[in-house]
Amino acid sequence: MIEGIINSAGEYFSVLGNASLCYVALAFFTYYISVLLYALRWKLVLKSLGRDVPFGELVKAILASIFMNNVTPLSRSGGELLRVAWVSRRASVPSGISAISIVYERILETIPVFMLFMLGAAYFSRESLPLIAVGLVGVALLWFRWDSFVRISLRLFKTEVGEGEIDGIVGLRSCREVNLAGVGLSSLVWLLDVVRLKLIAMALGLSLSWGFVALVSVANLLFGLVAFTPGGVGIIEGGLVGTLAHFGVPFPFAVSMTLVERFVSYVVSTIVGLIVLVSSGGVEIWRALKSQ
């Protein structure tokens, strides 16, 4: 038994040891480009709500929020609260407006995420037309029942706002430039997520199709949403390894790919977020938030 464990460990180390550092570096690059795109999207939404917040502050808030998400239970339980408090204290943005901006970001994300989900499902479906029809119906319902969707989203995100603020976020539907830019940036972020997984696979010498990588990206997203542990530790890793192995990726490669992905998106991001939190006064903001 011990010999088997040693042999298995040797396989994992062999796979990781032969990984291309160039592709891993590119995976890091795509991750932090996504952070910049998140900040740009947030800035556009806040500006449409009448608040022009410095781009640098938004980047710092997002990086610090990643750390909080990774150390607090439930998906995004601490990070979103920190983002609200950060712009409220650093840029004098009312908490209701900052909360609405974050909720609206999540709404904008639903379109590319849904499209990514359909792409992943179509990878294993011979008939993609029904999936496209479902997607079009979903987008139509989202548009024509926008008021109801906004109110449901506010309840799901447990955001308490007044009727005037709800009218503000409902009115964002008429801001065509903001919506197009927001959906475009959201789509680019999720595309970069797929690219990052592809780069990690390439670093390990795996030749995975783009459709399969998109499916893995969807699975990774779903595991993160349902995870109740800090940063999804244990749940995301187990789910990702299981998904890769289930669809034929050799187990040592599945484990290695998961380890590299989590090193990029969890370990290093947590360290960077902690550095930003400590060096930018985020600790005081978090303490003030907890005392409320």
Protein backbone atom coordinates (compact mmCIF):
# COMPACT_ATOMS: atom_id res chain seq x y z
CA MET A 1 0.00 0.00 0.00
CA ILE A 2 2.77 2.41 0.97
CA GLU A 3 4.64 1.51 -2.20
CA GLY A 4 1.52 2.28 -4.24
CA ILE A 5 1.16 5.68 -2.61
CA ILE A 6 4.82 6.45 -3.28
CA ASN A 7 4.45 5.43 -6.93
CA SER A 8 1.32 7.58 -7.31
CA ALA A 9 3.06 10.56 -5.72
CA GLY A 10 5.97 10.00 -8.10
CA GLU A 11 3.59 10.17 -11.07
CA TYR A 12 2.11 13.46 -9.87
CA PHE A 13 5.53 15.01 -9.27
CA SER A 14 6.66 13.79 -12.68
CA VAL A 15 3.72 15.45 -14.42
CA LEU A 16 4.15 18.70 -12.47
CA GLY A 17 7.91 18.66 -12.89
CA ASN A 18 7.56 18.54 -16.67
CA ALA A 19 5.05 21.40 -16.79
CA SER A 20 5.87 24.30 -19.10
CA LEU A 21 6.55 27.39 -16.97
CA CYS A 22 5.84 29.59 -19.97
CA TYR A 23 2.24 28.38 -20.22
CA VAL A 24 1.81 28.61 -16.43
CA ALA A 25 3.05 32.22 -16.55
CA LEU A 26 0.53 32.97 -19.28
CA ALA A 27 -2.20 31.43 -17.09
CA PHE A 28 -1.24 33.88 -14.31
CA PHE A 29 -1.34 36.72 -16.86
CA THR A 30 -4.86 35.86 -18.02
CA TYR A 31 -6.07 35.67 -14.40
CA TYR A 32 -4.93 39.20 -13.55
CA ILE A 33 -6.10 40.61 -16.88
CA SER A 34 -9.53 39.33 -15.77
CA VAL A 35 -9.17 41.29 -12.53
CA LEU A 36 -8.54 44.48 -14.52
CA LEU A 37 -11.59 43.76 -16.68
CA TYR A 38 -13.71 43.23 -13.56
CA ALA A 39 -12.57 46.63 -12.29
CA LEU A 40 -13.30 48.30 -15.63
CA ARG A 41 -16.80 46.80 -15.72
CA TRP A 42 -17.46 47.94 -12.14
CA LYS A 43 -16.24 51.45 -12.98
CA LEU A 44 -18.62 51.68 -15.95
CA VAL A 45 -21.60 50.55 -13.85
CA LEU A 46 -20.78 52.97 -11.03
CA LYS A 47 -20.33 55.82 -13.51
CA SER A 48 -23.74 55.07 -15.02
CA LEU A 49 -25.13 55.43 -11.49
CA GLY A 50 -23.50 58.86 -11.18
CA ARG A 51 -20.35 57.84 -9.25
CA ASP A 52 -16.90 58.15 -10.83
CA VAL A 53 -14.53 56.07 -8.67
CA PRO A 54 -10.76 55.94 -9.41
CA PHE A 55 -9.86 52.81 -11.34
CA GLY A 56 -6.96 52.00 -9.00
CA GLU A 57 -9.24 51.92 -5.96
CA LEU A 58 -11.56 49.49 -7.70
CA VAL A 59 -8.67 47.19 -8.61
CA LYS A 60 -7.46 47.19 -4.99
CA ALA A 61 -10.98 46.55 -3.71
CA ILE A 62 -11.39 43.55 -6.03
CA LEU A 63 -7.98 42.07 -5.14
CA ALA A 64 -8.71 42.47 -1.42
CA SER A 65 -12.19 40.98 -1.91
CA ILE A 66 -10.64 37.89 -3.51
CA PHE A 67 -8.70 37.32 -0.29
CA MET A 68 -11.87 37.71 1.79
CA ASN A 69 -13.77 35.32 -0.49
CA ASN A 70 -10.99 32.77 -0.07
CA VAL A 71 -10.98 32.85 3.72
CA THR A 72 -14.68 33.25 4.55
CA PRO A 73 -17.33 30.51 4.26
CA LEU A 74 -19.82 30.47 1.38
CA SER A 75 -19.18 31.84 -2.07
CA ARG A 76 -18.34 35.56 -2.05
CA SER A 77 -19.75 35.98 1.46
CA GLY A 78 -17.03 38.34 2.67
CA GLY A 79 -15.61 39.79 -0.51
CA GLU A 80 -18.75 41.53 -1.76
CA LEU A 81 -19.33 43.15 1.62
CA LEU A 82 -15.76 44.40 1.61
CA ARG A 83 -16.20 45.86 -1.89
CA VAL A 84 -19.29 47.77 -0.73
CA ALA A 85 -17.49 49.11 2.34
CA TRP A 86 -14.32 49.91 0.38
CA VAL A 87 -15.88 52.25 -2.19
CA SER A 88 -18.19 53.69 0.46
CA ARG A 89 -15.24 54.76 2.61
CA ARG A 90 -12.65 55.50 -0.07
CA ALA A 91 -14.85 57.20 -2.65
CA SER A 92 -17.85 58.34 -0.57
CA VAL A 93 -20.23 56.13 -2.51
CA PRO A 94 -23.45 55.39 -0.57
CA SER A 95 -23.61 51.72 0.42
CA GLY A 96 -26.94 51.30 -1.36
CA ILE A 97 -25.47 52.44 -4.68
CA SER A 98 -22.31 50.34 -4.29
CA ALA A 99 -24.44 47.28 -3.43
CA ILE A 100 -26.65 47.90 -6.47
CA SER A 101 -23.60 48.22 -8.73
CA ILE A 102 -22.34 44.80 -7.59
CA VAL A 103 -25.76 43.18 -8.04
CA TYR A 104 -26.00 44.68 -11.52
CA GLU A 105 -22.57 43.26 -12.34
CA ARG A 106 -23.86 39.82 -11.40
CA ILE A 107 -26.89 40.34 -13.64
CA LEU A 108 -24.62 41.24 -16.55
CA GLU A 109 -22.61 38.08 -15.86
CA THR A 110 -25.63 35.81 -16.25
CA ILE A 111 -25.69 36.20 -20.04
CA PRO A 112 -22.14 35.01 -20.84
CA VAL A 113 -22.28 32.38 -18.09
CA PHE A 114 -25.51 31.01 -19.55
CA MET A 115 -23.97 31.02 -23.02
CA LEU A 116 -20.92 29.21 -21.67
CA PHE A 117 -23.18 26.65 -20.03
CA MET A 118 -25.00 26.04 -23.31
CA LEU A 119 -21.67 25.70 -25.11
CA GLY A 120 -20.53 23.10 -22.62
CA ALA A 121 -23.84 21.23 -22.84
CA ALA A 122 -23.80 21.36 -26.66
CA TYR A 123 -20.39 19.68 -26.59
CA PHE A 124 -22.14 16.45 -25.59
CA SER A 125 -25.37 17.04 -27.48
CA ARG A 126 -25.99 16.00 -31.06
CA GLU A 127 -28.87 18.44 -31.36
CA SER A 128 -27.71 21.92 -30.39
CA LEU A 129 -30.77 23.69 -31.87
CA PRO A 130 -32.99 23.07 -28.79
CA LEU A 131 -30.25 24.51 -26.57
CA ILE A 132 -30.02 27.62 -28.73
CA ALA A 133 -33.81 27.98 -28.62
CA VAL A 134 -33.80 27.71 -24.82
CA GLY A 135 -31.06 30.33 -24.66
CA LEU A 136 -32.97 32.77 -26.87
CA VAL A 137 -36.14 32.29 -24.81
CA GLY A 138 -34.14 32.89 -21.63
CA VAL A 139 -32.65 36.14 -22.96
CA ALA A 140 -36.10 37.31 -24.16
CA LEU A 141 -37.65 36.65 -20.74
CA LEU A 142 -34.76 38.46 -19.09
CA TRP A 143 -35.35 41.52 -21.25
CA PHE A 144 -39.15 41.71 -21.13
CA ARG A 145 -39.41 40.82 -17.43
CA TRP A 146 -36.47 42.97 -16.40
CA ASP A 147 -38.20 44.57 -13.40
CA SER A 148 -39.08 41.18 -11.91
CA PHE A 149 -35.61 39.82 -12.59
CA VAL A 150 -33.98 42.76 -10.80
CA ARG A 151 -36.21 42.34 -7.74
CA ILE A 152 -35.56 38.59 -7.62
CA SER A 153 -31.81 39.22 -7.93
CA LEU A 154 -31.89 41.71 -5.06
CA ARG A 155 -33.64 39.12 -2.89
CA LEU A 156 -31.17 36.39 -3.85
CA PHE A 157 -28.23 38.64 -3.06
CA LYS A 158 -29.99 39.77 0.15
CA THR A 159 -29.58 43.44 -0.77
CA GLU A 160 -31.93 45.83 1.01
CA VAL A 161 -32.52 48.95 -1.06
CA GLY A 162 -35.27 51.50 -1.40
CA GLU A 163 -37.72 51.86 -4.27
CA GLY A 164 -35.75 54.81 -5.64
CA GLU A 165 -32.59 52.74 -5.86
CA ILE A 166 -34.51 49.87 -7.46
CA ASP A 167 -35.82 52.34 -10.06
CA GLY A 168 -32.20 53.34 -10.69
CA ILE A 169 -31.02 49.81 -11.44
CA VAL A 170 -34.14 49.07 -13.51
CA GLY A 171 -33.43 52.21 -15.52
CA LEU A 172 -29.98 50.88 -16.40
CA ARG A 173 -31.66 48.70 -19.01
CA SER A 174 -32.03 51.77 -21.21
CA CYS A 175 -28.27 52.49 -21.01
CA ARG A 176 -27.39 50.56 -24.14
CA GLU A 177 -23.69 51.48 -24.14
CA VAL A 178 -23.22 50.37 -20.52
CA ASN A 179 -25.09 47.11 -21.07
CA LEU A 180 -23.18 46.23 -24.23
CA ALA A 181 -19.85 47.10 -22.62
CA GLY A 182 -20.77 45.22 -19.43
CA VAL A 183 -21.87 42.06 -21.24
CA GLY A 184 -18.84 42.30 -23.53
CA LEU A 185 -16.42 42.61 -20.61
CA SER A 186 -18.19 39.79 -18.74
CA SER A 187 -17.93 37.59 -21.82
CA LEU A 188 -14.24 38.41 -22.17
CA VAL A 189 -13.64 37.53 -18.50
CA TRP A 190 -15.23 34.10 -18.89
CA LEU A 191 -13.42 33.58 -22.20
CA LEU A 192 -10.16 34.26 -20.36
CA ASP A 193 -11.24 31.71 -17.74
CA VAL A 194 -11.50 29.10 -20.49
CA VAL A 195 -8.17 30.25 -21.96
CA ARG A 196 -6.51 29.92 -18.53
CA LEU A 197 -7.66 26.31 -18.18
CA LYS A 198 -6.52 25.59 -21.75
CA LEU A 199 -3.09 27.06 -21.00
CA ILE A 200 -2.77 24.95 -17.86
CA ALA A 201 -3.69 21.85 -19.84
CA MET A 202 -1.11 22.75 -22.47
CA ALA A 203 1.48 23.32 -19.76
CA LEU A 204 0.98 19.70 -18.71
CA GLY A 205 1.08 18.41 -22.27
CA LEU A 206 -2.66 17.74 -22.48
CA SER A 207 -4.46 18.28 -25.78
CA LEU A 208 -8.03 19.13 -24.76
CA SER A 209 -10.60 20.56 -27.17
CA TRP A 210 -11.97 24.05 -26.55
CA GLY A 211 -15.48 22.65 -26.12
CA PHE A 212 -14.32 20.28 -23.41
CA VAL A 213 -12.36 23.04 -21.65
CA ALA A 214 -15.50 25.22 -21.73
CA LEU A 215 -17.42 22.38 -20.07
CA VAL A 216 -14.73 22.09 -17.39
CA SER A 217 -14.93 25.86 -16.85
CA VAL A 218 -18.71 25.62 -16.32
CA ALA A 219 -18.21 22.75 -13.85
CA ASN A 220 -15.55 24.77 -12.02
CA LEU A 221 -17.96 27.70 -11.77
CA LEU A 222 -20.80 25.53 -10.45
CA PHE A 223 -18.57 23.91 -7.82
CA GLY A 224 -17.54 27.38 -6.65
CA LEU A 225 -21.15 28.54 -6.39
CA VAL A 226 -22.31 25.59 -4.27
CA ALA A 227 -19.17 25.39 -2.11
CA PHE A 228 -19.73 26.31 1.54
CA THR A 229 -16.10 26.06 2.69
CA PRO A 230 -13.73 29.07 2.62
CA GLY A 231 -12.70 29.55 -0.98
CA GLY A 232 -14.44 26.27 -1.83
CA VAL A 233 -11.43 24.35 -0.49
CA GLY A 234 -11.95 20.62 -0.87
CA ILE A 235 -15.17 20.91 -2.85
CA ILE A 236 -13.77 22.64 -5.93
CA GLU A 237 -10.66 20.46 -6.01
CA GLY A 238 -12.61 17.23 -5.64
CA GLY A 239 -15.21 18.29 -8.17
CA LEU A 240 -12.66 19.39 -10.75
CA VAL A 241 -10.55 16.24 -10.41
CA GLY A 242 -13.71 14.11 -10.63
CA THR A 243 -14.96 15.94 -13.73
CA LEU A 244 -11.65 15.63 -15.57
CA ALA A 245 -11.21 11.97 -14.63
CA HIS A 246 -14.83 11.15 -15.52
CA PHE A 247 -14.33 12.38 -19.08
CA GLY A 248 -11.17 10.42 -19.65
CA VAL A 249 -8.30 12.61 -18.46
CA PRO A 250 -5.70 10.34 -16.80
CA PHE A 251 -5.91 10.69 -13.03
CA PRO A 252 -2.34 12.00 -12.48
CA PHE A 253 -2.99 14.68 -15.11
CA ALA A 254 -6.42 15.50 -13.63
CA VAL A 255 -4.89 16.00 -10.19
CA SER A 256 -1.96 18.00 -11.57
CA MET A 257 -4.21 20.25 -13.66
CA THR A 258 -6.39 20.92 -10.63
CA LEU A 259 -3.39 21.70 -8.44
CA VAL A 260 -1.96 24.20 -10.93
CA GLU A 261 -5.35 25.85 -11.49
CA ARG A 262 -5.94 26.24 -7.75
CA PHE A 263 -2.39 27.50 -7.24
CA VAL A 264 -3.12 30.26 -9.76
CA SER A 265 -6.69 31.12 -8.77
CA TYR A 266 -6.58 30.41 -5.03
CA VAL A 267 -3.11 30.25 -3.44
CA VAL A 268 -1.39 33.14 -5.21
CA SER A 269 -4.56 35.26 -5.42
CA THR A 270 -5.04 34.86 -1.66
CA ILE A 271 -1.48 36.02 -0.98
CA VAL A 272 -1.78 38.98 -3.36
CA GLY A 273 -5.16 39.92 -1.88
CA LEU A 274 -3.78 39.81 1.66
CA ILE A 275 -0.87 42.06 0.68
CA VAL A 276 -3.28 44.58 -0.88
CA LEU A 277 -5.64 44.38 2.10
CA VAL A 278 -2.85 45.07 4.62
CA SER A 279 -0.97 47.68 2.61
CA SER A 280 -4.00 49.68 1.50
CA GLY A 281 -5.84 50.02 4.80
CA GLY A 282 -8.36 47.33 4.06
CA VAL A 283 -8.00 45.78 7.50
CA GLU A 284 -9.47 48.91 9.10
CA ILE A 285 -12.32 48.89 6.57
CA TRP A 286 -13.09 45.24 7.37
CA ARG A 287 -13.00 45.85 11.12
CA ALA A 288 -15.35 48.79 10.75
CA LEU A 289 -17.66 46.64 8.63
CA LYS A 290 -17.71 43.85 11.23
CA SER A 291 -18.53 46.31 14.00
CA GLN A 292 -21.67 47.50 12.22
